[in-house]
Amino acid sequence: MPNLGDWLRRVREHRKHTRRSAETRTGISDSYIKQIENEGLIPLRGVLDQLIVGYRLDEMQARFTRELAEPPIELAPIEELRERVSTPDRLAALKFFDQVGIICVFTDPLWNVLVGNESFYRAEPDIVAAGHNVALWHFRPGVARSPAKDVSLQWDYEATGLMALVRAGLGRYRDSPQSIDLLERLRASNEFNDRWQGGIQVAYGREPDDLCHMVDPVTREPFSVSIQVGELPDTRDIRFQQAIRRPYAGPPLS
């Protein structure tokens, strides 16, 4: 589970710095860096900012680092979140999006599906068998082949992006039972482990022009979608994802 010391060690090693060279780059003594990494010392905000700048962290990585320096937040149970989001106006909006061909789903920060429209369930077949969790559906531990590979034309790229989103959620809610359970289940997937251990990507959303390229599971026709991921303004525990279908604009098909 993410914690500040392990994360900063991973960042330093990913940047190929020793603690001594990190001292030169950040202005923080190597002994103090060792205390942060090995002893769980939480540095003052100014020191944390020096590490963020010295390690050249992007905006999302910097946000993640600061969240790990704060106490974890307790994530509400799925049933509570599902009830909170299943209001008449939001359920009506899901039906409207179905009518205009927009995929829409509400999830918690760990990508447990709270409620989605029919277009969402058509686009991600067998997600019910994956426990209604997008990450478990995509990596599908314990199954020979992920069902996501049958509909995603850039599975590797999408897997890395999804792992980055999962990392952000686990960091904020790292002590919640749901987080511990999800990470334990995902770690049964070698494809997840390779990305989790091999990189330092963190994401809290997705740029609309970062298109996702898919095939229709029924017609097998390729198409692209512009995806918007965000948090509901009235709660930090619920995320929405909308995917607007477009003509295929991905790499050449074989």
C-alpha atoms as a PDB file:
ATOM      1  CA  MET A   1       0.000   0.000   0.000  1.00  0.00           C
ATOM      2  CA  PRO A   2       1.401   3.429  -0.848  1.00  0.00           C
ATOM      3  CA  ASN A   3       3.117   5.412   1.896  1.00  0.00           C
ATOM      4  CA  LEU A   4       5.283   8.503   1.673  1.00  0.00           C
ATOM      5  CA  GLY A   5       8.637   6.895   2.466  1.00  0.00           C
ATOM      6  CA  ASP A   6       8.292   4.037   0.005  1.00  0.00           C
ATOM      7  CA  TRP A   7       6.936   6.386  -2.652  1.00  0.00           C
ATOM      8  CA  LEU A   8       9.805   8.869  -2.364  1.00  0.00           C
ATOM      9  CA  ARG A   9      12.309   6.026  -2.451  1.00  0.00           C
ATOM     10  CA  ARG A  10      10.696   4.683  -5.602  1.00  0.00           C
ATOM     11  CA  VAL A  11      10.753   8.124  -7.202  1.00  0.00           C
ATOM     12  CA  ARG A  12      14.418   8.617  -6.299  1.00  0.00           C
ATOM     13  CA  GLU A  13      15.400   5.227  -7.681  1.00  0.00           C
ATOM     14  CA  HIS A  14      13.292   5.760 -10.801  1.00  0.00           C
ATOM     15  CA  ARG A  15      15.214   9.007 -11.366  1.00  0.00           C
ATOM     16  CA  LYS A  16      18.420   6.982 -10.855  1.00  0.00           C
ATOM     17  CA  HIS A  17      19.620   9.059  -7.893  1.00  0.00           C
ATOM     18  CA  THR A  18      21.578   7.818  -4.916  1.00  0.00           C
ATOM     19  CA  ARG A  19      20.725   9.553  -1.658  1.00  0.00           C
ATOM     20  CA  ARG A  20      23.929  11.533  -2.029  1.00  0.00           C
ATOM     21  CA  SER A  21      23.071  12.754  -5.527  1.00  0.00           C
ATOM     22  CA  ALA A  22      19.500  13.429  -4.354  1.00  0.00           C
ATOM     23  CA  GLU A  23      20.987  15.695  -1.660  1.00  0.00           C
ATOM     24  CA  THR A  24      22.726  17.724  -4.338  1.00  0.00           C
ATOM     25  CA  ARG A  25      19.560  17.973  -6.419  1.00  0.00           C
ATOM     26  CA  THR A  26      17.070  18.724  -3.640  1.00  0.00           C
ATOM     27  CA  GLY A  27      19.122  20.498  -0.999  1.00  0.00           C
ATOM     28  CA  ILE A  28      17.962  17.924   1.579  1.00  0.00           C
ATOM     29  CA  SER A  29      20.674  16.008   3.415  1.00  0.00           C
ATOM     30  CA  ASP A  30      21.072  12.345   2.554  1.00  0.00           C
ATOM     31  CA  SER A  31      20.568  11.416   6.232  1.00  0.00           C
ATOM     32  CA  TYR A  32      17.242  13.274   6.306  1.00  0.00           C
ATOM     33  CA  ILE A  33      16.160  11.595   3.075  1.00  0.00           C
ATOM     34  CA  LYS A  34      17.053   8.260   4.666  1.00  0.00           C
ATOM     35  CA  GLN A  35      14.878   9.091   7.683  1.00  0.00           C
ATOM     36  CA  ILE A  36      11.934   9.894   5.414  1.00  0.00           C
ATOM     37  CA  GLU A  37      12.341   6.746   3.347  1.00  0.00           C
ATOM     38  CA  ASN A  38      13.172   4.233   6.088  1.00  0.00           C
ATOM     39  CA  GLU A  39      11.709   5.596   9.303  1.00  0.00           C
ATOM     40  CA  GLY A  40       8.444   7.097   8.101  1.00  0.00           C
ATOM     41  CA  LEU A  41       9.411  10.657   9.017  1.00  0.00           C
ATOM     42  CA  ILE A  42       6.880  13.140   7.608  1.00  0.00           C
ATOM     43  CA  PRO A  43       8.824  16.230   6.530  1.00  0.00           C
ATOM     44  CA  LEU A  44       7.685  19.814   6.865  1.00  0.00           C
ATOM     45  CA  ARG A  45       5.800  21.222   3.874  1.00  0.00           C
ATOM     46  CA  GLY A  46       8.792  23.244   2.702  1.00  0.00           C
ATOM     47  CA  VAL A  47      11.036  20.173   2.702  1.00  0.00           C
ATOM     48  CA  LEU A  48       8.381  18.199   0.848  1.00  0.00           C
ATOM     49  CA  ASP A  49       8.200  20.933  -1.782  1.00  0.00           C
ATOM     50  CA  GLN A  50      11.993  20.808  -2.181  1.00  0.00           C
ATOM     51  CA  LEU A  51      11.783  17.069  -2.860  1.00  0.00           C
ATOM     52  CA  ILE A  52       8.937  17.562  -5.343  1.00  0.00           C
ATOM     53  CA  VAL A  53      10.891  20.192  -7.261  1.00  0.00           C
ATOM     54  CA  GLY A  54      14.220  18.369  -7.018  1.00  0.00           C
ATOM     55  CA  TYR A  55      12.739  15.105  -8.280  1.00  0.00           C
ATOM     56  CA  ARG A  56      10.909  16.964 -11.092  1.00  0.00           C
ATOM     57  CA  LEU A  57       7.495  15.564 -10.232  1.00  0.00           C
ATOM     58  CA  ASP A  58       4.600  16.515 -12.469  1.00  0.00           C
ATOM     59  CA  GLU A  59       1.393  18.047 -11.134  1.00  0.00           C
ATOM     60  CA  MET A  60      -0.320  14.733 -10.470  1.00  0.00           C
ATOM     61  CA  GLN A  61       2.732  13.156  -8.825  1.00  0.00           C
ATOM     62  CA  ALA A  62       3.129  16.251  -6.650  1.00  0.00           C
ATOM     63  CA  ARG A  63      -0.503  16.072  -5.555  1.00  0.00           C
ATOM     64  CA  PHE A  64      -0.094  12.392  -4.740  1.00  0.00           C
ATOM     65  CA  THR A  65       3.052  13.096  -2.712  1.00  0.00           C
ATOM     66  CA  ARG A  66       1.286  15.755  -0.651  1.00  0.00           C
ATOM     67  CA  GLU A  67      -1.674  13.461  -0.044  1.00  0.00           C
ATOM     68  CA  LEU A  68       0.654  10.759   1.271  1.00  0.00           C
ATOM     69  CA  ALA A  69       2.039  13.316   3.741  1.00  0.00           C
ATOM     70  CA  GLU A  70      -1.489  13.843   5.106  1.00  0.00           C
ATOM     71  CA  PRO A  71      -3.502  11.365   7.194  1.00  0.00           C
ATOM     72  CA  PRO A  72      -5.466   8.901   5.044  1.00  0.00           C
ATOM     73  CA  ILE A  73      -9.177   9.455   4.457  1.00  0.00           C
ATOM     74  CA  GLU A  74     -11.711   6.770   5.296  1.00  0.00           C
ATOM     75  CA  LEU A  75     -13.679   5.689   2.230  1.00  0.00           C
ATOM     76  CA  ALA A  76     -17.406   5.255   2.719  1.00  0.00           C
ATOM     77  CA  PRO A  77     -18.871   1.783   1.994  1.00  0.00           C
ATOM     78  CA  ILE A  78     -19.946   1.076  -1.577  1.00  0.00           C
ATOM     79  CA  GLU A  79     -23.591   0.677  -0.561  1.00  0.00           C
ATOM     80  CA  GLU A  80     -23.620   4.159   1.001  1.00  0.00           C
ATOM     81  CA  LEU A  81     -21.985   5.737  -2.039  1.00  0.00           C
ATOM     82  CA  ARG A  82     -24.351   3.913  -4.393  1.00  0.00           C
ATOM     83  CA  GLU A  83     -27.350   5.224  -2.485  1.00  0.00           C
ATOM     84  CA  ARG A  84     -25.885   8.734  -2.451  1.00  0.00           C
ATOM     85  CA  VAL A  85     -25.396   8.826  -6.217  1.00  0.00           C
ATOM     86  CA  SER A  86     -28.635   7.059  -7.214  1.00  0.00           C
ATOM     87  CA  THR A  87     -30.779  10.180  -7.107  1.00  0.00           C
ATOM     88  CA  PRO A  88     -33.713  10.579  -9.526  1.00  0.00           C
ATOM     89  CA  ASP A  89     -31.987  13.350 -11.476  1.00  0.00           C
ATOM     90  CA  ARG A  90     -28.759  11.382 -11.933  1.00  0.00           C
ATOM     91  CA  LEU A  91     -30.590   8.200 -12.921  1.00  0.00           C
ATOM     92  CA  ALA A  92     -32.576  10.234 -15.446  1.00  0.00           C
ATOM     93  CA  ALA A  93     -29.320  11.661 -16.785  1.00  0.00           C
ATOM     94  CA  LEU A  94     -27.952   8.134 -17.298  1.00  0.00           C
ATOM     95  CA  LYS A  95     -30.998   7.256 -19.394  1.00  0.00           C
ATOM     96  CA  PHE A  96     -30.614  10.432 -21.434  1.00  0.00           C
ATOM     97  CA  PHE A  97     -26.953   9.660 -22.123  1.00  0.00           C
ATOM     98  CA  ASP A  98     -28.026   6.215 -23.336  1.00  0.00           C
ATOM     99  CA  GLN A  99     -30.386   7.845 -25.816  1.00  0.00           C
ATOM    100  CA  VAL A 100     -27.623  10.001 -27.280  1.00  0.00           C
ATOM    101  CA  GLY A 101     -25.020   7.198 -27.280  1.00  0.00           C
ATOM    102  CA  ILE A 102     -22.798   8.449 -24.459  1.00  0.00           C
ATOM    103  CA  ILE A 103     -21.215   5.906 -22.118  1.00  0.00           C
ATOM    104  CA  CYS A 104     -21.591   7.076 -18.527  1.00  0.00           C
ATOM    105  CA  VAL A 105     -20.749   5.525 -15.154  1.00  0.00           C
ATOM    106  CA  PHE A 106     -20.323   6.633 -11.549  1.00  0.00           C
ATOM    107  CA  THR A 107     -17.599   4.906  -9.516  1.00  0.00           C
ATOM    108  CA  ASP A 108     -15.860   5.301  -6.202  1.00  0.00           C
ATOM    109  CA  PRO A 109     -12.142   6.330  -6.255  1.00  0.00           C
ATOM    110  CA  LEU A 110     -11.158   2.649  -6.374  1.00  0.00           C
ATOM    111  CA  TRP A 111     -13.147   2.121  -9.575  1.00  0.00           C
ATOM    112  CA  ASN A 112     -15.967   0.129  -8.020  1.00  0.00           C
ATOM    113  CA  VAL A 113     -19.009   0.719 -10.209  1.00  0.00           C
ATOM    114  CA  LEU A 114     -21.795   2.452  -8.304  1.00  0.00           C
ATOM    115  CA  VAL A 115     -24.231   2.895 -11.160  1.00  0.00           C
ATOM    116  CA  GLY A 116     -23.794   2.961 -14.934  1.00  0.00           C
ATOM    117  CA  ASN A 117     -26.000   3.203 -18.003  1.00  0.00           C
ATOM    118  CA  GLU A 118     -26.664   0.412 -20.470  1.00  0.00           C
ATOM    119  CA  SER A 119     -24.064   1.800 -22.878  1.00  0.00           C
ATOM    120  CA  PHE A 120     -21.405   1.337 -20.206  1.00  0.00           C
ATOM    121  CA  TYR A 121     -22.294  -2.305 -19.569  1.00  0.00           C
ATOM    122  CA  ARG A 122     -22.305  -3.017 -23.311  1.00  0.00           C
ATOM    123  CA  ALA A 123     -18.863  -1.442 -23.730  1.00  0.00           C
ATOM    124  CA  GLU A 124     -17.337  -3.410 -20.825  1.00  0.00           C
ATOM    125  CA  PRO A 125     -18.798  -6.926 -21.077  1.00  0.00           C
ATOM    126  CA  ASP A 126     -18.368  -9.307 -18.131  1.00  0.00           C
ATOM    127  CA  ILE A 127     -17.651  -6.505 -15.662  1.00  0.00           C
ATOM    128  CA  VAL A 128     -20.243  -8.047 -13.358  1.00  0.00           C
ATOM    129  CA  ALA A 129     -18.099 -11.200 -13.197  1.00  0.00           C
ATOM    130  CA  ALA A 130     -15.158  -8.985 -12.181  1.00  0.00           C
ATOM    131  CA  GLY A 131     -17.034  -7.763  -9.122  1.00  0.00           C
ATOM    132  CA  HIS A 132     -18.257  -4.536 -10.742  1.00  0.00           C
ATOM    133  CA  ASN A 133     -14.736  -3.089 -10.584  1.00  0.00           C
ATOM    134  CA  VAL A 134     -13.162  -1.510 -13.664  1.00  0.00           C
ATOM    135  CA  ALA A 135      -9.565  -2.277 -12.623  1.00  0.00           C
ATOM    136  CA  LEU A 136     -10.312  -5.916 -11.841  1.00  0.00           C
ATOM    137  CA  TRP A 137     -12.173  -6.186 -15.148  1.00  0.00           C
ATOM    138  CA  HIS A 138      -9.239  -4.725 -17.067  1.00  0.00           C
ATOM    139  CA  PHE A 139      -6.501  -6.837 -15.434  1.00  0.00           C
ATOM    140  CA  ARG A 140      -8.744  -9.809 -14.503  1.00  0.00           C
ATOM    141  CA  PRO A 141      -6.463 -11.665 -12.052  1.00  0.00           C
ATOM    142  CA  GLY A 142      -6.804 -15.431 -12.180  1.00  0.00           C
ATOM    143  CA  VAL A 143      -8.249 -15.522 -15.691  1.00  0.00           C
ATOM    144  CA  ALA A 144      -6.215 -16.615 -18.711  1.00  0.00           C
ATOM    145  CA  ARG A 145      -7.222 -13.589 -20.785  1.00  0.00           C
ATOM    146  CA  SER A 146      -8.710 -10.286 -19.688  1.00  0.00           C
ATOM    147  CA  PRO A 147     -12.065  -9.519 -21.370  1.00  0.00           C
ATOM    148  CA  ALA A 148     -10.770  -5.971 -21.837  1.00  0.00           C
ATOM    149  CA  LYS A 149      -8.311  -7.252 -24.436  1.00  0.00           C
ATOM    150  CA  ASP A 150     -11.246  -8.218 -26.661  1.00  0.00           C
ATOM    151  CA  VAL A 151     -12.578  -4.654 -26.808  1.00  0.00           C
ATOM    152  CA  SER A 152      -9.534  -2.422 -26.246  1.00  0.00           C
ATOM    153  CA  LEU A 153      -7.261  -1.815 -29.242  1.00  0.00           C
ATOM    154  CA  GLN A 154      -4.491  -0.345 -27.043  1.00  0.00           C
ATOM    155  CA  TRP A 155      -4.771  -2.533 -23.975  1.00  0.00           C
ATOM    156  CA  ASP A 156      -1.214  -1.909 -22.751  1.00  0.00           C
ATOM    157  CA  TYR A 157      -1.605   1.859 -22.931  1.00  0.00           C
ATOM    158  CA  GLU A 158      -4.983   1.762 -21.196  1.00  0.00           C
ATOM    159  CA  ALA A 159      -3.641  -0.607 -18.529  1.00  0.00           C
ATOM    160  CA  THR A 160      -0.861   1.812 -17.598  1.00  0.00           C
ATOM    161  CA  GLY A 161      -3.303   4.717 -17.427  1.00  0.00           C
ATOM    162  CA  LEU A 162      -5.746   2.770 -15.295  1.00  0.00           C
ATOM    163  CA  MET A 163      -2.970   1.687 -12.934  1.00  0.00           C
ATOM    164  CA  ALA A 164      -2.069   5.365 -12.484  1.00  0.00           C
ATOM    165  CA  LEU A 165      -5.676   6.177 -11.585  1.00  0.00           C
ATOM    166  CA  VAL A 166      -5.820   3.279  -9.134  1.00  0.00           C
ATOM    167  CA  ARG A 167      -2.576   4.450  -7.484  1.00  0.00           C
ATOM    168  CA  ALA A 168      -4.094   7.875  -6.835  1.00  0.00           C
ATOM    169  CA  GLY A 169      -7.181   6.359  -5.223  1.00  0.00           C
ATOM    170  CA  LEU A 170      -5.200   3.939  -3.078  1.00  0.00           C
ATOM    171  CA  GLY A 171      -2.964   6.730  -1.817  1.00  0.00           C
ATOM    172  CA  ARG A 172      -5.769   8.891  -0.514  1.00  0.00           C
ATOM    173  CA  TYR A 173      -7.747   5.997   0.990  1.00  0.00           C
ATOM    174  CA  ARG A 174      -4.801   3.746   1.846  1.00  0.00           C
ATOM    175  CA  ASP A 175      -6.108   2.562   5.241  1.00  0.00           C
ATOM    176  CA  SER A 176      -9.636   1.714   4.083  1.00  0.00           C
ATOM    177  CA  PRO A 177     -10.523  -1.995   3.969  1.00  0.00           C
ATOM    178  CA  GLN A 178     -11.695  -1.592   0.366  1.00  0.00           C
ATOM    179  CA  SER A 179      -8.241  -0.353  -0.656  1.00  0.00           C
ATOM    180  CA  ILE A 180      -6.419  -3.185   1.064  1.00  0.00           C
ATOM    181  CA  ASP A 181      -8.728  -5.746  -0.536  1.00  0.00           C
ATOM    182  CA  LEU A 182      -8.433  -4.243  -4.027  1.00  0.00           C
ATOM    183  CA  LEU A 183      -4.640  -4.066  -4.007  1.00  0.00           C
ATOM    184  CA  GLU A 184      -4.387  -7.617  -2.720  1.00  0.00           C
ATOM    185  CA  ARG A 185      -6.594  -8.854  -5.561  1.00  0.00           C
ATOM    186  CA  LEU A 186      -4.827  -6.796  -8.229  1.00  0.00           C
ATOM    187  CA  ARG A 187      -1.426  -8.041  -7.081  1.00  0.00           C
ATOM    188  CA  ALA A 188      -2.498 -11.496  -8.287  1.00  0.00           C
ATOM    189  CA  SER A 189      -2.080 -10.091 -11.820  1.00  0.00           C
ATOM    190  CA  ASN A 190       1.483 -10.072 -13.182  1.00  0.00           C
ATOM    191  CA  GLU A 191       0.436  -7.463 -15.734  1.00  0.00           C
ATOM    192  CA  PHE A 192      -0.668  -5.139 -12.943  1.00  0.00           C
ATOM    193  CA  ASN A 193       2.455  -5.840 -10.863  1.00  0.00           C
ATOM    194  CA  ASP A 194       4.768  -5.001 -13.751  1.00  0.00           C
ATOM    195  CA  ARG A 195       3.215  -1.558 -14.062  1.00  0.00           C
ATOM    196  CA  TRP A 196       2.821  -0.964 -10.334  1.00  0.00           C
ATOM    197  CA  GLN A 197       6.460  -1.749  -9.588  1.00  0.00           C
ATOM    198  CA  GLY A 198       8.001  -0.471 -12.797  1.00  0.00           C
ATOM    199  CA  GLY A 199       6.768   3.109 -12.978  1.00  0.00           C
ATOM    200  CA  ILE A 200       5.713   6.180 -11.008  1.00  0.00           C
ATOM    201  CA  GLN A 201       2.684   7.237 -13.042  1.00  0.00           C
ATOM    202  CA  VAL A 202      -0.175   8.883 -11.144  1.00  0.00           C
ATOM    203  CA  ALA A 203      -3.433  10.187 -12.609  1.00  0.00           C
ATOM    204  CA  TYR A 204      -6.579  11.795 -11.262  1.00  0.00           C
ATOM    205  CA  GLY A 205      -8.321  12.231 -14.590  1.00  0.00           C
ATOM    206  CA  ARG A 206      -7.912  12.032 -18.330  1.00  0.00           C
ATOM    207  CA  GLU A 207      -7.569  14.659 -21.037  1.00  0.00           C
ATOM    208  CA  PRO A 208     -10.533  14.582 -23.466  1.00  0.00           C
ATOM    209  CA  ASP A 209      -8.190  14.557 -26.474  1.00  0.00           C
ATOM    210  CA  ASP A 210      -6.461  11.419 -25.147  1.00  0.00           C
ATOM    211  CA  LEU A 211      -8.718   9.104 -27.139  1.00  0.00           C
ATOM    212  CA  CYS A 212      -9.458   5.516 -26.200  1.00  0.00           C
ATOM    213  CA  HIS A 213      -9.724   3.147 -29.166  1.00  0.00           C
ATOM    214  CA  MET A 214     -12.089   0.200 -28.921  1.00  0.00           C
ATOM    215  CA  VAL A 215     -14.149  -2.290 -30.894  1.00  0.00           C
ATOM    216  CA  ASP A 216     -17.848  -2.860 -30.439  1.00  0.00           C
ATOM    217  CA  PRO A 217     -18.212  -6.232 -28.673  1.00  0.00           C
ATOM    218  CA  VAL A 218     -21.255  -7.093 -30.806  1.00  0.00           C
ATOM    219  CA  THR A 219     -20.569  -5.654 -34.274  1.00  0.00           C
ATOM    220  CA  ARG A 220     -16.728  -5.734 -33.983  1.00  0.00           C
ATOM    221  CA  GLU A 221     -16.622  -2.288 -35.563  1.00  0.00           C
ATOM    222  CA  PRO A 222     -13.747  -0.100 -34.336  1.00  0.00           C
ATOM    223  CA  PHE A 223     -14.490   3.290 -32.802  1.00  0.00           C
ATOM    224  CA  SER A 224     -12.806   5.904 -30.624  1.00  0.00           C
ATOM    225  CA  VAL A 225     -14.083   7.643 -27.522  1.00  0.00           C
ATOM    226  CA  SER A 226     -13.217  10.902 -25.812  1.00  0.00           C
ATOM    227  CA  ILE A 227     -13.275  10.228 -22.082  1.00  0.00           C
ATOM    228  CA  GLN A 228     -13.876  12.718 -19.318  1.00  0.00           C
ATOM    229  CA  VAL A 229     -13.048  11.615 -15.774  1.00  0.00           C
ATOM    230  CA  GLY A 230     -13.777  13.823 -12.797  1.00  0.00           C
ATOM    231  CA  GLU A 231     -15.030  14.093  -9.255  1.00  0.00           C
ATOM    232  CA  LEU A 232     -18.569  15.159  -8.395  1.00  0.00           C
ATOM    233  CA  PRO A 233     -18.462  18.704  -7.015  1.00  0.00           C
ATOM    234  CA  ASP A 234     -20.414  17.776  -3.866  1.00  0.00           C
ATOM    235  CA  THR A 235     -18.254  14.825  -2.801  1.00  0.00           C
ATOM    236  CA  ARG A 236     -14.673  13.538  -3.153  1.00  0.00           C
ATOM    237  CA  ASP A 237     -15.805   9.936  -2.847  1.00  0.00           C
ATOM    238  CA  ILE A 238     -17.630   9.646  -6.175  1.00  0.00           C
ATOM    239  CA  ARG A 239     -16.202   9.957  -9.677  1.00  0.00           C
ATOM    240  CA  PHE A 240     -17.960  10.164 -13.004  1.00  0.00           C
ATOM    241  CA  GLN A 241     -16.749   8.940 -16.357  1.00  0.00           C
ATOM    242  CA  GLN A 242     -18.335   9.957 -19.639  1.00  0.00           C
ATOM    243  CA  ALA A 243     -17.192   8.588 -22.984  1.00  0.00           C
ATOM    244  CA  ILE A 244     -18.365  10.225 -26.201  1.00  0.00           C
ATOM    245  CA  ARG A 245     -18.213   7.904 -29.176  1.00  0.00           C
ATOM    246  CA  ARG A 246     -16.406   9.153 -32.303  1.00  0.00           C
ATOM    247  CA  PRO A 247     -15.371   7.688 -35.663  1.00  0.00           C
ATOM    248  CA  TYR A 248     -12.299   5.495 -35.357  1.00  0.00           C
ATOM    249  CA  ALA A 249      -9.108   7.591 -35.201  1.00  0.00           C
ATOM    250  CA  GLY A 250      -6.623   5.077 -33.827  1.00  0.00           C
ATOM    251  CA  PRO A 251      -3.596   3.315 -35.271  1.00  0.00           C
ATOM    252  CA  PRO A 252      -3.937   1.370 -38.536  1.00  0.00           C
ATOM    253  CA  LEU A 253      -5.779  -1.917 -38.109  1.00  0.00           C
ATOM    254  CA  SER A 254      -4.107  -5.093 -39.285  1.00  0.00           C
END
